[in-house]
Amino acid sequence: MARILLVDDSKTSRKILRGILEENGHEIIGEAINGEDGVAKYKELKPDITTMDITMPVLDGLEALRQIVEFDKSAKVIMVTAAGQKTKMVDAVKYGAAEFLAKPFEATQIIQIINKVIES
């Protein structure tokens, strides 16, 4: 069981992820609607895992990831990517992303990735 922060500007994406994660025994401790909000909530809530959309207004997921890892070297951030974001995925690895989730979400894949990150 992990305490998870969801960072995504799409309410639908957050709702789908929340449903899948809660059904599998994880606790959603917060939601953020953009990278700036995500960094602030990370510092406040100190989640075990954060899911971070790459493309968001105000502050994108890559910059938010960079700021979170700067704040907490042991942060476990899973980047959420849409098709065609290969270059951004390379940057995310450089900035310290733990793993990647692809949209559209697939429940079994999400749970496998969350479990892998918890165990690492």
Protein backbone atom coordinates (compact mmCIF):
# COMPACT_ATOMS: atom_id res chain seq x y z
CA MET A 1 0.00 0.00 0.00
CA ALA A 2 1.36 3.38 -1.00
CA ARG A 3 0.37 6.97 -0.23
CA ILE A 4 0.04 8.56 -3.67
CA LEU A 5 -0.19 12.13 -5.00
CA LEU A 6 -1.83 12.54 -8.43
CA VAL A 7 -0.66 15.49 -10.54
CA ASP A 8 -2.60 15.98 -13.78
CA ASP A 9 -4.52 18.89 -15.31
CA SER A 10 -7.13 16.43 -16.60
CA LYS A 11 -9.84 15.74 -14.04
CA THR A 12 -10.78 12.60 -15.99
CA SER A 13 -7.22 11.22 -15.85
CA ARG A 14 -7.05 11.84 -12.09
CA LYS A 15 -10.42 10.15 -11.60
CA ILE A 16 -9.42 7.06 -13.63
CA LEU A 17 -6.07 6.74 -11.83
CA ARG A 18 -7.69 7.27 -8.42
CA GLY A 19 -10.21 4.49 -9.15
CA ILE A 20 -7.59 1.98 -10.27
CA LEU A 21 -5.21 2.75 -7.40
CA GLU A 22 -7.84 2.76 -4.64
CA GLU A 23 -9.32 -0.52 -5.92
CA ASN A 24 -5.86 -2.00 -5.44
CA GLY A 25 -5.47 -0.82 -1.86
CA HIS A 26 -3.49 2.39 -2.35
CA GLU A 27 -4.35 5.66 -0.68
CA ILE A 28 -4.67 8.86 -2.71
CA ILE A 29 -3.49 11.56 -0.31
CA GLY A 30 -3.84 14.47 -2.69
CA GLU A 31 -4.46 15.73 -6.20
CA ALA A 32 -2.88 18.65 -8.02
CA ILE A 33 -4.02 20.37 -11.22
CA ASN A 34 -0.64 21.60 -12.52
CA GLY A 35 3.08 21.29 -11.85
CA GLU A 36 3.26 24.27 -9.50
CA ASP A 37 0.38 22.90 -7.42
CA GLY A 38 2.05 19.47 -7.57
CA VAL A 39 5.38 20.69 -6.18
CA ALA A 40 3.60 22.53 -3.34
CA LYS A 41 1.46 19.48 -2.46
CA TYR A 42 4.50 17.19 -2.63
CA LYS A 43 6.33 19.32 -0.05
CA GLU A 44 3.23 19.45 2.15
CA LEU A 45 2.10 15.80 1.89
CA LYS A 46 5.38 13.91 1.31
CA PRO A 47 3.77 11.04 -0.65
CA ASP A 48 5.42 7.64 -1.19
CA ILE A 49 4.76 7.96 -4.93
CA THR A 50 3.72 10.82 -7.20
CA THR A 51 2.17 10.38 -10.64
CA MET A 52 3.04 13.38 -12.81
CA ASP A 53 1.53 14.27 -16.16
CA ILE A 54 4.14 15.73 -18.52
CA THR A 55 1.97 18.25 -20.37
CA MET A 56 0.29 20.74 -18.02
CA PRO A 57 -0.30 24.49 -17.80
CA VAL A 58 1.53 26.88 -15.42
CA LEU A 59 4.45 24.50 -14.78
CA ASP A 60 4.92 21.36 -16.89
CA GLY A 61 5.61 17.93 -15.46
CA LEU A 62 9.31 17.92 -16.34
CA GLU A 63 10.03 21.14 -14.45
CA ALA A 64 7.85 19.99 -11.54
CA LEU A 65 9.78 16.69 -11.48
CA ARG A 66 13.08 18.60 -11.43
CA GLN A 67 11.92 20.75 -8.50
CA ILE A 68 10.58 17.77 -6.52
CA VAL A 69 13.82 15.77 -6.95
CA GLU A 70 15.83 18.86 -5.99
CA PHE A 71 13.71 19.10 -2.81
CA ASP A 72 13.80 15.34 -2.10
CA LYS A 73 16.47 13.18 -3.76
CA SER A 74 14.59 10.00 -2.82
CA ALA A 75 11.29 11.10 -4.45
CA LYS A 76 9.55 8.42 -6.51
CA VAL A 77 7.85 10.16 -9.41
CA ILE A 78 6.10 8.22 -12.16
CA MET A 79 5.69 10.28 -15.31
CA VAL A 80 2.42 10.02 -17.25
CA THR A 81 2.97 10.30 -20.99
CA ALA A 82 0.80 10.51 -24.06
CA ALA A 83 1.92 9.04 -27.36
CA GLY A 84 4.74 10.85 -29.13
CA GLN A 85 6.55 12.25 -26.08
CA LYS A 86 9.80 10.29 -26.52
CA THR A 87 12.16 13.27 -26.18
CA LYS A 88 10.38 14.40 -23.03
CA MET A 89 10.71 10.88 -21.62
CA VAL A 90 14.48 11.04 -22.13
CA ASP A 91 14.56 14.36 -20.24
CA ALA A 92 12.39 12.90 -17.48
CA VAL A 93 14.90 10.06 -16.96
CA LYS A 94 17.70 12.64 -16.70
CA TYR A 95 15.69 14.54 -14.09
CA GLY A 96 15.15 11.42 -12.01
CA ALA A 97 11.79 9.91 -13.03
CA ALA A 98 11.27 6.49 -11.43
CA GLU A 99 9.05 5.06 -14.17
CA PHE A 100 6.54 5.86 -16.92
CA LEU A 101 2.82 5.31 -17.42
CA ALA A 102 1.29 5.67 -20.85
CA LYS A 103 -2.12 7.09 -21.63
CA PRO A 104 -4.65 5.64 -22.20
CA PHE A 105 -4.36 3.96 -18.81
CA GLU A 106 -4.38 0.21 -18.48
CA ALA A 107 -5.14 -1.00 -14.95
CA THR A 108 -2.82 -4.03 -14.87
CA GLN A 109 0.10 -2.02 -16.25
CA ILE A 110 -0.45 0.77 -13.70
CA ILE A 111 -0.49 -1.65 -10.75
CA GLN A 112 2.65 -3.45 -12.02
CA ILE A 113 4.51 -0.15 -12.32
CA ILE A 114 3.35 1.13 -8.90
CA ASN A 115 4.42 -2.17 -7.27
CA LYS A 116 7.78 -2.07 -9.04
CA VAL A 117 8.42 1.48 -7.82
CA ILE A 118 7.33 0.64 -4.24
CA GLU A 119 9.78 -2.28 -4.18
CA SER A 120 12.70 -0.32 -5.63
